[in-house]
Protein backbone atom coordinates (compact mmCIF):
# COMPACT_ATOMS: atom_id res chain seq x y z
CA UNK A 1 126.89 147.06 76.39
CA UNK A 2 128.53 145.34 79.35
CA UNK A 3 131.58 146.74 81.09
CA UNK A 4 134.84 145.33 79.74
CA UNK A 5 138.20 144.73 81.30
CA UNK A 6 139.82 142.94 84.25
CA UNK A 7 137.13 144.13 86.69
CA UNK A 8 134.71 141.56 85.23
CA UNK A 9 136.93 138.71 86.43
CA UNK A 10 136.36 139.83 89.99
CA UNK A 11 132.59 139.33 89.74
CA UNK A 12 131.10 137.09 92.45
CA UNK A 13 127.64 135.81 93.29
CA UNK A 14 124.81 133.80 91.77
CA UNK A 15 124.75 133.17 88.02
CA UNK A 16 121.59 134.73 86.57
CA UNK A 17 120.17 134.50 83.06
CA UNK A 18 117.41 137.02 82.36
CA UNK A 19 115.11 136.29 79.39
CA UNK A 20 118.02 134.87 77.39
CA UNK A 21 117.22 133.95 73.80
CA UNK A 22 119.60 132.64 71.15
CA UNK A 23 118.55 132.44 67.53
CA UNK A 24 120.48 130.98 64.61
CA UNK A 25 118.63 132.35 61.59
CA UNK A 26 115.06 131.11 61.86
CA UNK A 27 115.94 128.49 64.48
CA UNK A 28 115.52 129.38 68.16
CA UNK A 29 118.02 127.34 70.17
CA UNK A 30 117.25 128.96 73.55
CA UNK A 31 113.89 130.58 74.13
CA UNK A 32 113.36 133.32 76.77
CA UNK A 33 115.34 131.42 79.42
CA UNK A 34 115.21 132.69 83.00
CA UNK A 35 117.56 130.90 85.36
CA UNK A 36 119.31 131.49 88.69
CA UNK A 37 122.15 129.17 89.75
CA UNK A 38 123.04 129.78 93.41
CA UNK A 39 126.70 130.42 94.14
CA UNK A 40 128.62 127.33 95.24
CA UNK A 41 126.16 124.75 93.94
CA UNK A 42 126.56 121.81 91.57
CA UNK A 43 124.00 122.46 88.83
CA UNK A 44 123.21 120.22 85.83
CA UNK A 45 121.58 121.13 82.53
CA UNK A 46 120.13 117.87 81.26
CA UNK A 47 118.46 117.18 77.96
CA UNK A 48 118.66 115.48 74.56
CA UNK A 49 120.79 116.69 71.67
CA UNK A 50 119.50 119.95 70.24
CA UNK A 51 117.57 121.04 73.36
CA UNK A 52 119.70 124.18 73.88
CA UNK A 53 121.82 123.12 76.86
CA UNK A 54 125.22 123.50 75.17
CA UNK A 55 124.18 126.81 73.60
CA UNK A 56 123.21 128.03 77.08
CA UNK A 57 126.59 127.01 78.45
CA UNK A 58 128.39 128.74 75.58
CA UNK A 59 126.50 131.98 76.32
CA UNK A 60 127.61 131.79 79.96
CA UNK A 61 131.19 131.20 78.78
CA UNK A 62 131.05 134.10 76.33
CA UNK A 63 131.63 131.82 73.33
CA UNK A 64 128.20 132.89 72.04
CA UNK A 65 126.31 136.11 72.69
CA UNK A 66 122.53 136.13 73.35
CA UNK A 67 120.27 137.42 70.62
CA UNK A 68 118.42 139.06 73.51
CA UNK A 69 118.55 138.91 77.30
CA UNK A 70 121.33 139.39 79.87
CA UNK A 71 123.87 137.21 81.69
CA UNK A 72 124.96 138.22 85.21
CA UNK A 73 127.27 136.97 87.92
CA UNK A 74 126.07 138.69 91.05
CA UNK A 75 125.24 142.24 89.99
CA UNK A 76 127.87 142.27 87.23
CA UNK A 77 126.49 142.19 83.69
CA UNK A 78 128.69 139.94 81.53
CA UNK A 79 126.61 140.30 78.37
CA UNK A 80 128.78 141.30 75.42
CA UNK A 81 132.09 140.57 77.16
CA UNK A 82 134.66 138.14 75.78
CA UNK A 83 135.44 134.72 77.29
CA UNK A 84 138.82 135.73 78.75
CA UNK A 85 137.22 138.74 80.48
CA UNK A 86 134.81 136.59 82.48
CA UNK A 87 135.43 134.75 85.79
CA UNK A 88 134.41 131.55 84.00
CA UNK A 89 136.37 128.53 82.76
CA UNK A 90 135.22 125.54 80.72
CA UNK A 91 136.19 121.85 80.76
CA UNK A 92 135.47 120.22 77.41
CA UNK A 93 135.00 116.56 76.50
CA UNK A 94 138.06 116.71 74.23
CA UNK A 95 140.46 117.69 77.12
CA UNK A 96 142.34 120.06 74.70
CA UNK A 97 145.71 119.62 76.44
CA UNK A 98 148.93 120.84 74.85
CA UNK A 99 150.79 117.65 73.79
CA UNK A 100 154.25 119.28 73.85
CA UNK A 101 153.94 120.49 77.46
CA UNK A 102 154.17 118.31 80.54
CA UNK A 103 151.21 118.16 82.90
CA UNK A 104 152.56 120.87 85.20
CA UNK A 105 153.16 123.11 82.19
CA UNK A 106 149.65 122.55 80.90
CA UNK A 107 148.08 123.54 84.20
CA UNK A 108 150.39 126.54 84.72
CA UNK A 109 149.90 127.83 81.17
CA UNK A 110 146.90 130.07 81.92
CA UNK A 111 148.27 131.81 85.03
CA UNK A 112 151.66 132.32 83.36
CA UNK A 113 150.03 133.89 80.33
CA UNK A 114 148.25 136.36 82.61
CA UNK A 115 151.50 137.16 84.42
CA UNK A 116 150.63 135.50 87.73
CA UNK A 117 153.84 135.31 89.77
CA UNK A 118 153.07 132.09 91.63
CA UNK A 119 151.80 130.20 88.56
CA UNK A 120 153.88 127.10 89.29
CA UNK A 121 152.70 126.95 92.91
CA UNK A 122 149.09 127.34 91.82
CA UNK A 123 149.53 124.55 89.29
CA UNK A 124 150.96 122.25 91.96
CA UNK A 125 148.04 123.03 94.27
CA UNK A 126 145.48 122.35 91.50
CA UNK A 127 147.13 119.05 90.55
CA UNK A 128 147.11 117.88 94.15
CA UNK A 129 143.41 118.72 94.35
CA UNK A 130 142.67 116.33 91.46
CA UNK A 131 145.18 113.77 92.81
CA UNK A 132 147.53 114.13 89.84
CA UNK A 133 150.56 115.76 91.51
CA UNK A 134 152.64 112.58 91.18
CA UNK A 135 152.37 112.74 87.37
CA UNK A 136 153.27 116.41 86.95
CA UNK A 137 156.30 115.65 84.73
CA UNK A 138 154.41 113.35 82.32
CA UNK A 139 153.15 114.37 78.88
CA UNK A 140 149.42 114.13 78.06
CA UNK A 141 150.05 111.24 75.67
CA UNK A 142 151.37 109.16 78.57
CA UNK A 143 148.13 109.46 80.55
CA UNK A 144 144.85 107.55 80.40
CA UNK A 145 141.60 109.28 79.39
CA UNK A 146 140.53 109.63 83.01
CA UNK A 147 143.87 111.10 84.02
CA UNK A 148 143.74 113.60 81.15
CA UNK A 149 140.27 114.64 82.25
CA UNK A 150 141.56 115.31 85.77
CA UNK A 151 144.32 117.47 84.31
CA UNK A 152 141.75 119.38 82.24
CA UNK A 153 139.79 120.07 85.45
CA UNK A 154 142.97 121.21 87.23
CA UNK A 155 143.82 123.54 84.35
CA UNK A 156 140.39 125.16 84.69
CA UNK A 157 140.50 125.36 88.51
CA UNK A 158 143.98 126.91 88.60
CA UNK A 159 142.49 130.15 87.26
CA UNK A 160 140.23 130.27 90.33
CA UNK A 161 137.04 131.01 88.38
CA UNK A 162 133.77 131.98 89.99
CA UNK A 163 131.95 129.50 87.73
CA UNK A 164 133.30 126.27 86.24
CA UNK A 165 131.47 124.95 83.17
CA UNK A 166 131.60 121.24 82.32
CA UNK A 167 130.57 120.44 78.74
CA UNK A 168 129.87 116.68 78.54
CA UNK A 169 133.24 116.16 80.29
CA UNK A 170 132.90 112.41 80.80
CA UNK A 171 131.45 111.42 77.43
CA UNK A 172 134.71 109.96 76.09
CA UNK A 173 135.27 107.66 79.09
CA UNK A 174 134.14 104.07 79.49
CA UNK A 175 131.28 103.31 81.92
CA UNK A 176 133.37 102.23 84.93
CA UNK A 177 135.76 105.18 84.66
CA UNK A 178 132.89 107.58 84.05
CA UNK A 179 131.27 106.53 87.32
CA UNK A 180 134.55 106.95 89.18
CA UNK A 181 134.97 110.45 87.73
CA UNK A 182 131.41 111.37 88.74
CA UNK A 183 132.35 110.75 92.35
CA UNK A 184 135.65 112.60 91.93
CA UNK A 185 134.10 115.69 90.36
CA UNK A 186 131.53 115.88 93.15
CA UNK A 187 134.34 115.59 95.72
CA UNK A 188 136.33 118.36 94.01
CA UNK A 189 133.30 120.65 93.80
CA UNK A 190 132.53 120.13 97.48
CA UNK A 191 136.15 120.79 98.42
CA UNK A 192 136.66 123.98 96.40
CA UNK A 193 133.11 125.32 96.85
CA UNK A 194 132.87 126.79 93.35
CA UNK A 195 129.75 126.95 91.21
CA UNK A 196 129.83 123.96 88.83
CA UNK A 197 127.48 123.90 85.83
CA UNK A 198 127.46 120.52 84.15
CA UNK A 199 125.91 119.98 80.71
CA UNK A 200 124.99 116.38 79.91
CA UNK A 201 122.48 114.15 78.13
CA UNK A 202 123.19 111.33 80.62
CA UNK A 203 120.39 111.13 83.20
CA UNK A 204 122.34 108.99 85.66
CA UNK A 205 125.30 111.37 85.48
CA UNK A 206 123.14 114.40 86.25
CA UNK A 207 121.32 112.75 89.14
CA UNK A 208 124.52 111.33 90.65
CA UNK A 209 126.46 114.59 90.67
CA UNK A 210 124.15 117.58 90.81
CA UNK A 211 122.37 119.29 93.70
CA UNK A 212 119.90 120.76 91.23
CA UNK A 213 118.94 119.50 87.77
CA UNK A 214 117.21 121.51 85.06
CA UNK A 215 115.64 119.33 82.35
CA UNK A 216 115.70 121.20 79.03
CA UNK A 217 113.54 120.61 75.98
CA UNK A 218 113.26 122.73 72.83
CA UNK A 219 115.15 125.67 74.32
CA UNK A 220 113.14 125.86 77.54
CA UNK A 221 113.35 124.35 81.01
CA UNK A 222 110.62 121.75 81.48
CA UNK A 223 111.25 121.27 85.21
CA UNK A 224 113.98 122.11 87.70
CA UNK A 225 114.74 120.89 91.21
CA UNK A 226 116.64 118.32 93.28
CA UNK A 227 117.20 115.06 91.32
CA UNK A 228 115.07 112.94 93.67
CA UNK A 229 112.18 115.40 93.41
CA UNK A 230 112.24 115.47 89.61
CA UNK A 231 112.38 111.70 89.42
CA UNK A 232 109.72 111.03 92.02
CA UNK A 233 107.22 113.67 90.91
CA UNK A 234 107.66 114.72 87.26
CA UNK A 235 105.40 117.54 86.08
CA UNK A 236 105.43 116.72 82.34
CA UNK A 237 105.51 113.56 80.25
CA UNK A 238 108.84 114.67 78.81
CA UNK A 239 110.45 114.72 82.26
CA UNK A 240 108.75 111.45 83.25
CA UNK A 241 110.13 109.69 80.19
CA UNK A 242 113.52 111.37 79.79
CA UNK A 243 114.52 111.08 83.44
CA UNK A 244 114.29 107.30 83.68
CA UNK A 245 111.22 105.38 82.48
CA UNK A 246 107.53 105.71 83.29
CA UNK A 247 104.34 103.78 82.65
CA UNK A 248 101.90 106.42 81.42
CA UNK A 249 98.21 105.81 80.68
CA UNK A 250 95.27 108.04 79.83
CA UNK A 251 92.25 108.31 82.09
CA UNK A 252 89.49 110.56 83.36
CA UNK A 253 89.03 111.92 86.87
CA UNK A 254 85.96 110.25 88.36
CA UNK A 255 86.18 111.82 91.83
CA UNK A 256 88.31 114.17 93.95
CA UNK A 257 87.58 114.05 97.67
CA UNK A 258 90.42 116.42 98.60
CA UNK A 259 92.81 113.70 99.74
CA UNK A 260 92.85 111.39 96.73
CA UNK A 261 91.90 111.63 93.08
CA UNK A 262 90.13 108.62 91.54
CA UNK A 263 91.04 108.05 87.89
CA UNK A 264 89.11 105.80 85.55
CA UNK A 265 91.33 104.03 83.01
CA UNK A 266 90.46 101.50 80.32
CA UNK A 267 91.61 98.79 82.75
CA UNK A 268 89.68 99.98 85.80
CA UNK A 269 89.91 102.66 88.49
CA UNK A 270 93.06 103.72 90.35
CA UNK A 271 93.66 106.37 93.00
CA UNK A 272 96.36 109.02 93.28
CA UNK A 273 97.02 111.26 96.33
CA UNK A 274 95.87 114.80 95.58
CA UNK A 275 99.31 116.14 96.55
CA UNK A 276 100.80 114.10 93.68
CA UNK A 277 98.17 115.08 91.12
CA UNK A 278 99.34 117.83 88.78
CA UNK A 279 95.94 117.50 87.06
CA UNK A 280 92.78 116.83 89.10
CA UNK A 281 89.87 117.33 86.70
CA UNK A 282 88.75 115.98 83.35
CA UNK A 283 91.14 113.99 81.18
CA UNK A 284 94.49 113.23 82.78
CA UNK A 285 97.57 111.07 82.33
CA UNK A 286 98.37 108.72 85.21
CA UNK A 287 101.95 107.55 85.69
CA UNK A 288 104.00 105.20 87.86
CA UNK A 289 107.68 104.23 87.68
CA UNK A 290 108.52 100.62 86.66
CA UNK A 291 110.41 99.81 89.88
CA UNK A 292 107.37 100.87 91.95
CA UNK A 293 105.16 98.22 90.34
CA UNK A 294 105.09 94.62 91.53
CA UNK A 295 103.79 91.52 89.82
CA UNK A 296 101.43 88.95 91.28
CA UNK A 297 100.29 85.77 89.57
CA UNK A 298 96.71 86.21 88.33
CA UNK A 299 95.85 82.81 89.78
CA UNK A 300 96.63 84.06 93.30
CA UNK A 301 94.31 86.10 95.50
CA UNK A 302 96.34 89.25 96.21
CA UNK A 303 96.10 91.24 99.42
CA UNK A 304 95.41 94.74 98.11
CA UNK A 305 95.98 96.53 101.43
CA UNK A 306 95.07 99.86 99.77
CA UNK A 307 97.20 99.29 96.66
CA UNK A 308 96.12 100.00 93.10
CA UNK A 309 95.75 97.00 90.82
CA UNK A 310 95.25 96.54 87.07
CA UNK A 311 95.18 93.41 84.98
CA UNK A 312 95.43 90.65 84.35
CA UNK A 313 98.10 91.10 81.71
CA UNK A 314 100.46 88.76 79.89
CA UNK A 315 104.23 88.76 80.35
CA UNK A 316 105.68 89.11 76.83
CA UNK A 317 109.37 89.60 77.65
CA UNK A 318 111.78 88.94 80.52
CA UNK A 319 115.27 90.51 80.59
CA UNK A 320 117.78 89.73 83.37
CA UNK A 321 120.23 92.58 84.09
CA UNK A 322 121.95 91.45 87.28
CA UNK A 323 120.59 93.74 89.97
CA UNK A 324 117.05 93.54 88.61
CA UNK A 325 114.91 91.86 85.99
CA UNK A 326 112.81 93.79 83.50
CA UNK A 327 109.35 92.46 82.65
CA UNK A 328 107.26 93.70 79.74
CA UNK A 329 103.58 93.07 80.38
CA UNK A 330 100.81 93.49 77.81
CA UNK A 331 97.72 94.79 79.66
CA UNK A 332 94.44 94.92 77.70
CA UNK A 333 93.31 98.53 77.44
CA UNK A 334 96.64 99.95 78.68
CA UNK A 335 99.21 98.54 76.26
CA UNK A 336 102.73 97.51 77.29
CA UNK A 337 103.88 98.15 80.84
CA UNK A 338 107.44 97.86 82.11
CA UNK A 339 108.15 96.42 85.56
CA UNK A 340 111.54 96.24 87.30
CA UNK A 341 111.85 93.61 90.02
CA UNK A 342 114.92 93.43 92.25
CA UNK A 343 116.64 90.05 92.07
CA UNK A 344 116.41 88.92 95.69
CA UNK A 345 116.42 85.22 94.88
CA UNK A 346 117.32 82.74 92.16
CA UNK A 347 113.84 82.25 90.73
CA UNK A 348 112.19 84.83 88.50
CA UNK A 349 109.03 86.56 89.69
CA UNK A 350 107.26 85.58 86.48
CA UNK A 351 107.98 83.90 83.16
CA UNK A 352 107.07 84.73 79.60
CA UNK A 353 103.45 83.85 78.93
CA UNK A 354 102.37 84.12 82.59
CA UNK A 355 99.09 85.88 83.41
CA UNK A 356 99.87 88.52 86.04
CA UNK A 357 98.36 91.39 88.00
CA UNK A 358 100.17 94.74 88.34
CA UNK A 359 100.02 96.42 91.74
CA UNK A 360 101.50 99.57 93.28
CA UNK A 361 101.16 101.87 96.28
CA UNK A 362 99.06 104.96 95.37
CA UNK A 363 101.77 107.19 96.88
CA UNK A 364 104.08 106.17 94.04
CA UNK A 365 101.70 107.36 91.30
CA UNK A 366 101.23 110.84 89.81
CA UNK A 367 98.98 112.57 87.30
CA UNK A 368 99.76 114.95 84.44
CA UNK A 369 97.52 117.08 82.21
CA UNK A 370 95.48 115.02 79.75
CA UNK A 371 96.90 116.70 76.64
CA UNK A 372 100.44 115.45 77.32
CA UNK A 373 102.13 113.39 74.59
CA UNK A 374 102.77 109.95 76.15
CA UNK A 375 105.91 109.47 74.03
CA UNK A 376 107.49 112.87 74.80
CA UNK A 377 111.06 112.38 76.01
CA UNK A 378 111.27 108.79 74.76
CA UNK A 379 114.16 107.94 72.42
CA UNK A 380 112.73 108.13 68.86
CA UNK A 381 114.23 104.72 68.05
CA UNK A 382 112.36 103.21 71.01
CA UNK A 383 109.11 104.86 69.92
CA UNK A 384 109.53 103.38 66.44
CA UNK A 385 110.03 99.89 67.89
CA UNK A 386 107.01 100.24 70.19
CA UNK A 387 104.76 101.47 67.41
């Protein structure tokens, strides 16, 4: 049993989960999770509903206790302790502000309850940090959703926790305000230097804000690392599909000369640098991101210049989205491929019905083990439409 009492709130250091499992009856929500979150970092737990990310956060907060395993901050074992005994605070999506108190009173509530003498001064400092000091005398009902979220962050920061947990904190905001708050939360985290752990199902949100992202699936971490690394070189089909989009095809390794792996697909051979090949023998899955692929008219004679090429295929859909245009291309032997082309001019790169070639630099491709499910990580509704 962990130590109890005020001494736990003084714990400092990295957050460590050791073989943490959480079971609800016969259902395992979190499965033997080992995780170290370095002190002072902005860490994101990313995954679909039901993957275990919120349960993990609740075990760190003390709102749930592990079925087995331990939770530490530094060398201090928090397992078994209650939420108020831990140096941890949580910001929820619902804000949970007291409607009868003004903003200053909401933020000062926690320190006052613990008998902190300078509670009002701390509240003022926290409100200035989130740029809400000028609205200290307002009631929550007089504020916008974004302003209430800032107050909720201030109320958590005023307690000076070692770890701040963010549970889908921006989910109730509209897109424009959500993006503004992403920048603001990153600024606040950088300024205060606390450990932030952000739980979200929004890929863009995780990649925009976090230094490190852990992609969760079925109670386990599929892959963890800097956002750019996870996006550029996914190690599983789930990560490739959940973190953005990927064109994935099955193939067989025909040769491996140490520098590049040659993969035979149903539409011809392509090469992948060995450093980007998770799998290098037998059956594999080859992948490339849609924005890395370019289209060329099949009637033209393309300059390969070392690029991979498959096709021809037929453009079956064109969708303009402002910054880019999405093309869906049906390639015999490979199925539907998605291509994003930046809109640099007025004219589209291709039109529906065009016969096109698909080309990409080998250094943008990757391989995965051949037994990977090509639809893992894809929204089930999208899979149903595609099939």
